[in-house]
Amino acid sequence: MTLATSAPPRIVRFTVNGSPLEVTVPGGRRLLDVLREDLRLTGTKEGCGEGECGACSVLLDGQLVNSCLVPVCQVEGRDVRTVEGLGSGDRLDRLQSAFIETGAAQCGFCTPGMLAAGRVFLDSGTPATDAAIREAIAGNLCRCTGYTKIIEAIERAALSPYWEGGSRSFEAPPPAAPVTASPGPAPFGPAAESPRTLDEALHLLGSHPYRPIAGGTDVMVALAAGGEDDGRPLLDLWEIDELRGIRVGPPAAGPDRLADEALVLGALTTYGELRRSPVVAHLPVLAEAASVIGAVQVQNRGTIGGNIANASPAGDLLPVLLATDAIIVLGSVRGERRVPTAEFFTGYRQTARAAQELILRVEISLPAGRRLRFRKIGTRRAQAISKVSVAVSWREEGAGTGLGNGAASGVPVCWRDVRISLGSVAPVPMRARKTETLLEGAAPTRETADRAAATVAAEITPINDVRSSAAYRRAATARVLHRIVRDAGGW
């Protein structure tokens, strides 16, 4: 699979398996194609081309990524390690040896990606429990269903002193001179510009119809499929530090300044950073939602800004942003403007963002006492597009807060400032306004849960598609909301 367009090339310099090299290719060419076709490093495999199978996994500056989702412009000055570089010459490293000893290498197609995932896991120093290993390789599909042997191999390698303290087992010395690789006369891939500052990016976007790209987990898939290739060059945002960062503090000053302290997330914040950041503990459900988006490879690349801009009704973070009344801050050469999430999604995969604007950051108010719950329903526990996702936010009033059915004083708890946000049940991520009205001021009793479930089932407009039926989506949404109300009531 290759990208559908060709464009003027650029020189990209980076390191592969310890050797510096340069390639002359379009900046939007997939790293996978550069490795396999231009550099003839065919250990890395082409699988799904969508970031689900993990066959193309490589290490990028030590992080596990899907090379099918990385435009080569984003590896400028970076270190890439493929399966060919895990050992030293003809000597296998301990993990590769363990794969052979346990019979973990079967048909071999998934093996390079599994080795890359296993290598990152072992280098992290994480205790090699069964659950931890399964999560580490969740983004790597084994068609021979040989997971038991693969887990055994990683466990065996972890017992070796080779990895004590998480030390790396091999660092190849670079050659004296860089290697130059030139592909054929017309390598495929769109052109790309890689600005280093936000001001530069905004001026480029204001002067030409670029396609912004961050982690590439959606854009590269669309381009590879060919259906959304409109000839626009890519505007690579990955190196713009002004779009990064996670902090708690006041939002930007202005007449619409939020009254509460806010969790401020740069648009380039990745799902992995949301999971790891101690700052996100102020809103732990956000980390919970990020944890169910793809696996490690996707979480290392996908960004909150990309999730918003993609505007899929199945976007996992979007119900959380809706339920917290998040503000999306947009920027252009004319300045910034702030859009409430509830007003941002205007139609199926359509948003209020103008063509000359970028998503800069997200501001989430953190009022005291707000509770928030999130639940996603998918075909499987990992690597699944949501069939239904639900986020519910509320405050509690009344004696015996948290008991729902009433405290010893006889005064029941009631819900205030209720927000119910849903994904995959309408053309856009939506607020269930009728159900919110029903729950406003109500106690989380069994009767309330029954009424809320019936109301939300009637309020949504799901469709039948390849992932689920409309009837299932209605039933699942109702049951999830019923459970959230029931749990809040303590019964």
Protein backbone atom coordinates (compact mmCIF):
# COMPACT_ATOMS: atom_id res chain seq x y z
CA MET A 1 0.00 0.00 0.00
CA THR A 2 1.38 3.43 -0.92
CA LEU A 3 0.15 6.96 -0.73
CA ALA A 4 -1.71 8.01 -3.83
CA THR A 5 0.18 11.15 -4.73
CA SER A 6 3.73 12.10 -5.59
CA ALA A 7 5.29 15.44 -4.74
CA PRO A 8 8.58 17.30 -4.90
CA PRO A 9 11.09 15.56 -2.61
CA ARG A 10 13.02 16.93 0.33
CA ILE A 11 16.14 15.69 2.08
CA VAL A 12 15.43 14.03 5.42
CA ARG A 13 18.34 13.12 7.68
CA PHE A 14 17.96 10.66 10.55
CA THR A 15 19.58 7.60 12.10
CA VAL A 16 18.55 4.01 11.45
CA ASN A 17 19.95 1.23 13.64
CA GLY A 18 22.84 3.44 14.68
CA SER A 19 23.80 4.59 11.17
CA PRO A 20 23.16 8.19 10.06
CA LEU A 21 21.62 8.48 6.62
CA GLU A 22 19.65 10.77 4.41
CA VAL A 23 16.82 10.12 1.99
CA THR A 24 15.42 12.34 -0.73
CA VAL A 25 11.67 11.77 -0.75
CA PRO A 26 8.37 13.66 -0.36
CA GLY A 27 7.99 14.65 3.29
CA GLY A 28 4.61 12.92 3.54
CA ARG A 29 5.96 9.53 2.46
CA ARG A 30 5.31 6.86 5.08
CA LEU A 31 8.28 5.87 7.19
CA LEU A 32 7.26 2.26 6.48
CA ASP A 33 7.76 2.76 2.73
CA VAL A 34 11.11 4.47 3.24
CA LEU A 35 12.32 1.57 5.40
CA ARG A 36 11.08 -1.23 3.16
CA GLU A 37 11.32 0.21 -0.35
CA ASP A 38 14.06 2.83 -0.18
CA LEU A 39 16.36 1.30 2.46
CA ARG A 40 15.46 -2.37 1.83
CA LEU A 41 14.95 -3.02 5.55
CA THR A 42 12.18 -5.53 4.90
CA GLY A 43 12.07 -6.99 8.40
CA THR A 44 9.44 -4.37 9.19
CA LYS A 45 6.19 -5.69 7.70
CA GLU A 46 3.24 -4.11 5.92
CA GLY A 47 0.03 -5.31 7.54
CA CYS A 48 -3.23 -3.43 7.93
CA GLY A 49 -1.85 0.03 7.11
CA GLU A 50 -4.19 1.48 9.76
CA GLY A 51 -2.24 1.14 13.00
CA GLU A 52 -4.08 -1.92 14.33
CA CYS A 53 -1.92 -4.97 13.57
CA GLY A 54 1.49 -3.73 14.77
CA ALA A 55 3.43 -5.58 12.05
CA CYS A 56 5.17 -2.34 11.08
CA SER A 57 6.16 -1.40 14.66
CA VAL A 58 9.55 0.24 15.10
CA LEU A 59 11.26 2.26 17.83
CA LEU A 60 11.34 6.02 17.26
CA ASP A 61 13.62 7.66 19.82
CA GLY A 62 12.94 4.62 21.97
CA GLN A 63 9.13 4.86 21.69
CA LEU A 64 7.05 2.16 20.02
CA VAL A 65 5.23 3.50 16.93
CA ASN A 66 3.49 2.20 13.84
CA SER A 67 5.74 3.19 10.95
CA CYS A 68 2.73 3.16 8.59
CA LEU A 69 1.36 6.20 10.46
CA VAL A 70 4.55 8.29 10.62
CA PRO A 71 5.36 10.67 7.74
CA VAL A 72 9.10 10.64 7.14
CA CYS A 73 9.31 14.41 7.65
CA GLN A 74 8.68 13.73 11.34
CA VAL A 75 11.81 11.60 11.78
CA GLU A 76 14.19 14.42 10.85
CA GLY A 77 17.09 14.25 13.32
CA ARG A 78 15.63 11.29 15.17
CA ASP A 79 16.71 7.71 15.85
CA VAL A 80 14.83 4.80 14.28
CA ARG A 81 15.44 1.23 15.40
CA THR A 82 14.01 -1.66 13.32
CA VAL A 83 14.09 -5.38 13.98
CA GLU A 84 17.38 -5.55 12.05
CA GLY A 85 18.97 -3.35 14.71
CA LEU A 86 17.83 -5.15 17.85
CA GLY A 87 20.78 -7.55 17.86
CA SER A 88 24.43 -6.93 17.07
CA GLY A 89 25.54 -8.12 13.66
CA ASP A 90 24.81 -11.85 13.49
CA ARG A 91 24.31 -12.10 17.25
CA LEU A 92 20.71 -12.22 18.48
CA ASP A 93 19.81 -10.32 21.60
CA ARG A 94 18.27 -12.09 24.58
CA LEU A 95 14.68 -11.41 23.53
CA GLN A 96 15.22 -12.74 20.00
CA SER A 97 16.86 -15.84 21.46
CA ALA A 98 13.94 -16.33 23.84
CA PHE A 99 11.48 -16.20 20.91
CA ILE A 100 13.37 -19.08 19.28
CA GLU A 101 13.73 -21.07 22.49
CA THR A 102 10.02 -20.91 23.32
CA GLY A 103 8.66 -21.32 19.78
CA ALA A 104 7.20 -17.81 19.86
CA ALA A 105 8.29 -17.16 16.26
CA GLN A 106 5.68 -19.04 14.22
CA CYS A 107 4.75 -17.85 10.73
CA GLY A 108 7.03 -14.92 11.49
CA PHE A 109 4.88 -12.14 10.09
CA CYS A 110 4.10 -10.56 13.45
CA THR A 111 7.50 -11.38 14.96
CA PRO A 112 9.37 -8.14 14.07
CA GLY A 113 6.63 -5.97 15.59
CA MET A 114 6.31 -8.23 18.62
CA LEU A 115 10.07 -8.03 19.17
CA ALA A 116 9.94 -4.23 18.97
CA ALA A 117 7.06 -4.11 21.47
CA GLY A 118 8.79 -6.59 23.75
CA ARG A 119 12.04 -4.66 23.56
CA VAL A 120 10.40 -1.41 24.66
CA PHE A 121 8.63 -3.22 27.49
CA LEU A 122 11.82 -4.83 28.78
CA ASP A 123 13.79 -1.59 28.50
CA SER A 124 11.12 0.18 30.58
CA GLY A 125 11.95 -1.94 33.62
CA THR A 126 8.25 -2.69 34.23
CA PRO A 127 7.78 -5.92 36.25
CA ALA A 128 7.08 -8.71 33.74
CA THR A 129 3.65 -9.77 34.95
CA ASP A 130 1.26 -11.49 32.57
CA ALA A 131 -1.11 -8.50 32.60
CA ALA A 132 1.69 -5.99 31.97
CA ILE A 133 3.06 -7.98 29.03
CA ARG A 134 -0.39 -8.39 27.50
CA GLU A 135 -0.94 -4.63 27.63
CA ALA A 136 2.51 -4.01 26.13
CA ILE A 137 1.79 -6.20 23.09
CA ALA A 138 -1.92 -5.31 22.77
CA GLY A 139 -1.20 -3.39 19.56
CA ASN A 140 0.45 -6.38 17.87
CA LEU A 141 -1.74 -8.96 16.16
CA CYS A 142 -0.56 -12.59 16.01
CA ARG A 143 -2.48 -14.37 13.27
CA CYS A 144 -1.23 -17.77 14.49
CA THR A 145 -2.76 -17.08 17.94
CA GLY A 146 0.60 -17.72 19.51
CA TYR A 147 0.28 -15.19 22.31
CA THR A 148 1.01 -17.69 25.07
CA LYS A 149 4.45 -18.48 23.64
CA ILE A 150 5.15 -14.82 22.96
CA ILE A 151 4.33 -13.89 26.55
CA GLU A 152 6.50 -16.75 27.76
CA ALA A 153 9.40 -15.50 25.63
CA ILE A 154 9.17 -11.97 27.04
CA GLU A 155 8.96 -13.36 30.57
CA ARG A 156 12.05 -15.49 29.94
CA ALA A 157 14.01 -12.56 28.55
CA ALA A 158 12.99 -10.44 31.55
CA LEU A 159 14.60 -12.98 33.91
CA SER A 160 17.97 -12.46 32.24
CA PRO A 161 20.52 -10.09 33.85
CA TYR A 162 20.67 -8.64 30.34
CA TRP A 163 17.81 -6.32 31.26
CA GLU A 164 18.42 -5.67 34.93
CA GLY A 165 17.63 -2.04 35.68
CA GLY A 166 16.05 -1.56 32.26
CA SER A 167 19.42 -1.12 30.55
CA ARG A 168 19.55 -1.31 26.79
CA SER A 169 21.31 -4.35 25.43
CA PHE A 170 22.77 -2.87 22.25
CA GLU A 171 23.93 0.47 20.94
CA ALA A 172 25.59 0.30 17.53
CA PRO A 173 28.43 2.73 16.81
CA PRO A 174 27.68 4.96 13.82
CA PRO A 175 29.83 4.77 10.70
CA ALA A 176 32.16 7.63 9.86
CA ALA A 177 30.03 8.98 7.03
CA PRO A 178 26.27 9.07 6.43
CA VAL A 179 24.58 6.71 4.02
CA THR A 180 22.57 8.29 1.23
CA ALA A 181 19.52 6.49 -0.12
CA SER A 182 17.70 7.71 -3.20
CA PRO A 183 14.50 5.93 -4.22
CA GLY A 184 13.12 5.85 -7.72
CA PRO A 185 12.27 8.96 -9.74
CA ALA A 186 8.69 9.23 -8.43
CA PRO A 187 8.33 8.07 -4.82
CA PHE A 188 4.79 8.37 -3.52
CA GLY A 189 3.62 10.72 -0.80
CA PRO A 190 2.42 14.31 -0.45
CA ALA A 191 4.73 17.24 0.09
CA ALA A 192 5.12 18.51 3.64
CA GLU A 193 6.20 21.67 5.41
CA SER A 194 7.54 21.36 8.97
CA PRO A 195 7.41 24.74 10.73
CA ARG A 196 9.18 25.06 14.08
CA THR A 197 7.06 27.83 15.58
CA LEU A 198 3.34 28.45 15.92
CA ASP A 199 3.62 31.83 14.21
CA GLU A 200 5.28 30.22 11.20
CA ALA A 201 2.61 27.51 11.05
CA LEU A 202 -0.26 30.00 11.22
CA HIS A 203 1.22 32.14 8.46
CA LEU A 204 1.71 29.09 6.23
CA LEU A 205 -1.87 27.97 6.86
CA GLY A 206 -3.16 31.47 6.18
CA SER A 207 -1.43 31.62 2.81
CA HIS A 208 -2.01 28.13 1.40
CA PRO A 209 -4.57 25.29 1.80
CA TYR A 210 -2.46 22.87 3.84
CA ARG A 211 -3.70 19.72 5.57
CA PRO A 212 -2.55 19.92 9.23
CA ILE A 213 -1.05 16.74 10.63
CA ALA A 214 0.11 15.88 14.15
CA GLY A 215 0.43 12.22 15.16
CA GLY A 216 -0.89 11.00 11.81
CA THR A 217 -3.12 8.28 13.27
CA ASP A 218 -6.07 9.49 11.17
CA VAL A 219 -4.52 11.53 8.37
CA MET A 220 -2.00 8.90 7.23
CA VAL A 221 -4.70 6.23 7.14
CA ALA A 222 -6.95 8.45 5.03
CA LEU A 223 -4.13 9.29 2.61
CA ALA A 224 -3.08 5.66 2.25
CA ALA A 225 -6.66 4.70 1.42
CA GLY A 226 -6.64 7.33 -1.34
CA GLY A 227 -10.20 8.48 -0.82
CA GLU A 228 -9.31 11.75 0.90
CA ASP A 229 -6.24 12.76 -1.10
CA ASP A 230 -7.13 16.22 -2.38
CA GLY A 231 -3.59 17.21 -3.32
CA ARG A 232 -2.99 19.49 -0.34
CA PRO A 233 0.52 19.37 1.13
CA LEU A 234 0.87 18.43 4.78
CA LEU A 235 1.48 21.01 7.49
CA ASP A 236 3.55 19.04 10.00
CA LEU A 237 2.90 20.39 13.52
CA TRP A 238 4.91 17.82 15.46
CA GLU A 239 7.87 20.10 16.34
CA ILE A 240 5.86 23.09 17.60
CA ASP A 241 6.52 23.26 21.34
CA GLU A 242 3.88 25.97 21.85
CA LEU A 243 1.22 23.33 21.15
CA ARG A 244 2.49 21.02 23.92
CA GLY A 245 2.16 20.97 27.68
CA ILE A 246 -0.24 19.96 30.45
CA ARG A 247 -0.87 22.34 33.34
CA VAL A 248 -3.41 23.41 35.90
CA GLY A 249 -4.01 27.09 36.27
CA PRO A 250 -6.16 29.95 35.04
CA PRO A 251 -7.11 29.83 31.37
CA ALA A 252 -6.13 32.59 28.99
CA ALA A 253 -7.24 36.07 30.02
CA GLY A 254 -10.18 37.62 28.24
CA PRO A 255 -13.80 38.66 28.65
CA ASP A 256 -14.91 35.01 28.59
CA ARG A 257 -12.29 33.87 31.09
CA LEU A 258 -13.44 30.79 32.99
CA ALA A 259 -14.28 31.39 36.65
CA ASP A 260 -12.66 28.17 37.85
CA GLU A 261 -9.16 26.86 37.72
CA ALA A 262 -8.68 24.87 34.53
CA LEU A 263 -6.79 21.87 33.24
CA VAL A 264 -5.03 23.24 30.14
CA LEU A 265 -3.95 20.73 27.49
CA GLY A 266 -1.85 21.64 24.48
CA ALA A 267 -3.27 20.35 21.21
CA LEU A 268 -0.23 18.08 20.70
CA THR A 269 -0.77 16.31 24.03
CA THR A 270 -0.75 12.59 23.23
CA TYR A 271 -2.97 9.93 24.74
CA GLY A 272 0.11 8.41 26.33
CA GLU A 273 0.97 11.72 28.00
CA LEU A 274 -2.60 11.96 29.30
CA ARG A 275 -2.19 8.52 30.87
CA ARG A 276 1.20 9.27 32.44
CA SER A 277 0.87 12.89 33.56
CA PRO A 278 0.39 13.41 37.31
CA VAL A 279 -1.35 16.69 36.47
CA VAL A 280 -4.20 14.80 34.77
CA ALA A 281 -4.99 13.30 38.18
CA HIS A 282 -7.12 16.43 38.61
CA LEU A 283 -9.44 14.82 36.03
CA PRO A 284 -8.66 11.09 36.14
CA VAL A 285 -11.49 10.12 33.77
CA LEU A 286 -9.54 11.84 30.98
CA ALA A 287 -6.66 9.41 31.50
CA GLU A 288 -9.18 6.55 31.67
CA ALA A 289 -10.64 7.53 28.29
CA ALA A 290 -7.14 7.91 26.78
CA SER A 291 -6.24 4.40 27.95
CA VAL A 292 -8.88 2.78 25.72
CA ILE A 293 -7.79 4.55 22.52
CA GLY A 294 -5.79 2.04 20.52
CA ALA A 295 -2.68 0.51 22.07
CA VAL A 296 0.78 1.80 22.96
CA GLN A 297 1.76 2.62 19.37
CA VAL A 298 -1.33 4.78 18.79
CA GLN A 299 -1.21 6.32 22.26
CA ASN A 300 2.38 7.44 21.63
CA ARG A 301 1.28 9.36 18.53
CA GLY A 302 -2.40 10.28 18.65
CA THR A 303 -3.16 13.74 20.06
CA ILE A 304 -6.09 15.42 21.75
CA GLY A 305 -6.11 18.09 19.04
CA GLY A 306 -6.28 15.43 16.34
CA ASN A 307 -9.11 13.62 18.11
CA ILE A 308 -11.08 16.87 18.17
CA ALA A 309 -10.26 17.94 14.61
CA ASN A 310 -11.14 14.51 13.21
CA ALA A 311 -14.63 15.04 14.65
CA SER A 312 -15.63 11.40 14.49
CA PRO A 313 -18.82 10.69 16.45
CA ALA A 314 -16.86 7.73 17.87
CA GLY A 315 -13.97 9.90 19.14
CA ASP A 316 -13.29 8.55 22.63
CA LEU A 317 -12.16 11.79 24.28
CA LEU A 318 -15.02 13.88 22.91
CA PRO A 319 -17.80 12.82 25.33
CA VAL A 320 -15.48 13.66 28.25
CA LEU A 321 -14.84 17.13 26.80
CA LEU A 322 -18.56 17.68 26.26
CA ALA A 323 -19.44 16.54 29.78
CA THR A 324 -16.91 18.95 31.28
CA ASP A 325 -17.95 21.96 29.18
CA ALA A 326 -14.42 22.15 27.78
CA ILE A 327 -13.35 25.18 25.76
CA ILE A 328 -11.51 24.60 22.47
CA VAL A 329 -9.10 27.45 21.72
CA LEU A 330 -8.50 28.11 18.02
CA GLY A 331 -5.82 30.32 16.54
CA SER A 332 -5.04 32.01 13.23
CA VAL A 333 -2.99 34.98 12.07
CA ARG A 334 -5.93 37.13 13.25
CA GLY A 335 -5.65 35.91 16.84
CA GLU A 336 -7.39 33.41 19.10
CA ARG A 337 -11.02 32.54 19.60
CA ARG A 338 -12.67 30.22 22.11
CA VAL A 339 -15.40 27.76 21.20
CA PRO A 340 -17.36 25.66 23.72
CA THR A 341 -17.17 21.98 22.83
CA ALA A 342 -20.97 21.86 22.65
CA GLU A 343 -20.82 24.32 19.72
CA PHE A 344 -17.76 22.92 17.99
CA PHE A 345 -19.20 19.87 16.16
CA THR A 346 -21.50 21.19 13.46
CA GLY A 347 -22.18 18.03 11.40
CA TYR A 348 -20.77 14.63 10.56
CA ARG A 349 -16.99 15.17 10.69
CA GLN A 350 -17.60 18.90 10.40
CA THR A 351 -16.50 21.50 12.94
CA ALA A 352 -16.49 25.22 13.65
CA ARG A 353 -12.75 25.41 12.86
CA ALA A 354 -12.05 27.60 9.84
CA ALA A 355 -9.58 26.42 7.21
CA GLN A 356 -7.00 29.00 8.34
CA GLU A 357 -7.23 28.01 12.01
CA LEU A 358 -5.42 25.49 14.17
CA ILE A 359 -6.57 23.97 17.43
CA LEU A 360 -4.16 25.42 19.99
CA ARG A 361 -5.28 23.96 23.31
CA VAL A 362 -8.20 22.71 25.37
CA GLU A 363 -9.26 24.30 28.66
CA ILE A 364 -11.32 22.19 31.07
CA SER A 365 -12.82 23.93 34.07
CA LEU A 366 -12.24 22.15 37.40
CA PRO A 367 -15.03 23.24 39.75
CA ALA A 368 -14.92 21.71 43.20
CA GLY A 369 -17.21 18.77 43.87
CA ARG A 370 -17.89 17.74 40.29
CA ARG A 371 -18.13 14.00 39.69
CA LEU A 372 -17.48 12.40 36.33
CA ARG A 373 -17.92 8.90 34.97
CA PHE A 374 -16.97 7.44 31.56
CA ARG A 375 -17.76 4.15 29.90
CA LYS A 376 -16.93 2.81 26.44
CA ILE A 377 -18.53 -0.21 24.79
CA GLY A 378 -16.59 -1.85 21.96
CA THR A 379 -16.31 -5.20 20.21
CA ARG A 380 -13.34 -6.10 22.41
CA ARG A 381 -11.46 -4.68 25.38
CA ALA A 382 -8.58 -3.20 23.36
CA GLN A 383 -8.06 -1.76 19.87
CA ALA A 384 -11.79 -1.25 19.34
CA ILE A 385 -13.73 1.62 17.82
CA SER A 386 -16.54 2.46 20.21
CA LYS A 387 -20.05 1.22 19.57
CA VAL A 388 -21.25 3.49 22.37
CA SER A 389 -19.44 5.84 24.73
CA VAL A 390 -21.00 7.68 27.66
CA ALA A 391 -19.68 10.43 29.93
CA VAL A 392 -21.77 11.79 32.81
CA SER A 393 -20.88 14.76 34.99
CA TRP A 394 -22.76 16.12 38.02
CA ARG A 395 -22.57 17.69 41.47
CA GLU A 396 -24.33 16.30 44.51
CA GLU A 397 -26.43 18.24 47.00
CA GLY A 398 -28.09 17.12 50.19
CA ALA A 399 -27.12 15.33 53.37
CA GLY A 400 -25.56 11.93 53.02
CA THR A 401 -23.77 12.86 49.82
CA GLY A 402 -22.80 9.71 47.93
CA LEU A 403 -25.58 7.47 49.34
CA GLY A 404 -28.24 8.50 46.87
CA ASN A 405 -31.17 6.87 48.65
CA GLY A 406 -30.89 9.26 51.56
CA ALA A 407 -28.83 9.77 54.68
CA ALA A 408 -29.77 9.14 58.28
CA SER A 409 -31.28 12.62 58.33
CA GLY A 410 -33.76 11.52 55.70
CA VAL A 411 -32.65 14.22 53.25
CA PRO A 412 -31.83 12.57 49.91
CA VAL A 413 -28.92 13.48 47.70
CA CYS A 414 -29.89 15.17 44.45
CA TRP A 415 -27.96 15.79 41.24
CA ARG A 416 -27.15 19.30 40.00
CA ASP A 417 -25.44 20.68 36.88
CA VAL A 418 -25.95 17.37 35.07
CA ARG A 419 -24.10 16.79 31.79
CA ILE A 420 -24.66 13.61 29.76
CA SER A 421 -22.50 13.24 26.65
CA LEU A 422 -22.66 10.40 24.15
CA GLY A 423 -20.54 9.09 21.29
CA SER A 424 -21.37 6.82 18.32
CA VAL A 425 -25.13 7.33 18.66
CA ALA A 426 -25.65 10.36 16.37
CA PRO A 427 -23.88 12.10 13.47
CA VAL A 428 -21.90 14.15 16.02
CA PRO A 429 -20.81 13.66 19.64
CA MET A 430 -23.90 14.90 21.47
CA ARG A 431 -25.33 16.09 24.75
CA ALA A 432 -28.49 14.27 25.88
CA ARG A 433 -30.34 17.43 26.89
CA LYS A 434 -33.73 15.84 27.64
CA THR A 435 -32.15 13.24 29.88
CA GLU A 436 -30.09 15.93 31.62
CA THR A 437 -33.30 17.84 32.39
CA LEU A 438 -34.88 14.71 33.83
CA LEU A 439 -31.90 14.10 36.13
CA GLU A 440 -31.48 17.72 37.22
CA GLY A 441 -32.53 17.93 40.86
CA ALA A 442 -33.39 14.21 41.04
CA ALA A 443 -32.05 11.69 43.52
CA PRO A 444 -30.17 8.71 42.02
CA THR A 445 -32.81 6.17 42.95
CA ARG A 446 -33.92 3.03 41.11
CA GLU A 447 -36.93 4.86 39.70
CA THR A 448 -34.71 7.71 38.48
CA ALA A 449 -32.34 5.28 36.80
CA ASP A 450 -35.23 3.54 35.02
CA ARG A 451 -36.66 6.83 33.76
CA ALA A 452 -33.25 8.13 32.66
CA ALA A 453 -32.51 4.93 30.72
CA ALA A 454 -35.84 5.10 28.90
CA THR A 455 -35.41 8.80 28.12
CA VAL A 456 -31.90 8.53 26.74
CA ALA A 457 -32.86 5.55 24.54
CA ALA A 458 -35.60 7.68 22.95
CA GLU A 459 -33.37 10.74 22.61
CA ILE A 460 -30.53 9.29 20.51
CA THR A 461 -30.49 8.60 16.76
CA PRO A 462 -28.06 5.72 16.18
CA ILE A 463 -27.61 3.95 12.85
CA ASN A 464 -27.07 0.38 11.71
CA ASP A 465 -23.54 -0.13 10.40
CA VAL A 466 -20.84 -2.81 10.22
CA ARG A 467 -19.90 -2.31 13.88
CA SER A 468 -23.32 -2.46 15.49
CA SER A 469 -27.07 -2.17 15.08
CA ALA A 470 -29.13 0.84 16.08
CA ALA A 471 -31.14 -1.35 18.47
CA TYR A 472 -27.99 -2.51 20.26
CA ARG A 473 -26.69 1.04 20.57
CA ARG A 474 -29.97 2.18 22.12
CA ALA A 475 -30.00 -0.69 24.57
CA ALA A 476 -26.31 -0.34 25.48
CA THR A 477 -26.57 3.42 26.02
CA ALA A 478 -29.59 2.96 28.28
CA ARG A 479 -27.92 0.20 30.29
CA VAL A 480 -24.68 2.16 30.77
CA LEU A 481 -26.52 5.25 32.00
CA HIS A 482 -28.68 3.08 34.26
CA ARG A 483 -25.52 1.58 35.78
CA ILE A 484 -23.90 4.99 36.33
CA VAL A 485 -26.99 6.30 38.15
CA ARG A 486 -27.28 3.07 40.13
CA ASP A 487 -23.63 3.16 41.20
CA ALA A 488 -23.94 6.81 42.23
CA GLY A 489 -26.91 5.88 44.37
CA GLY A 490 -25.03 3.07 46.08
CA TRP A 491 -27.54 0.33 45.29
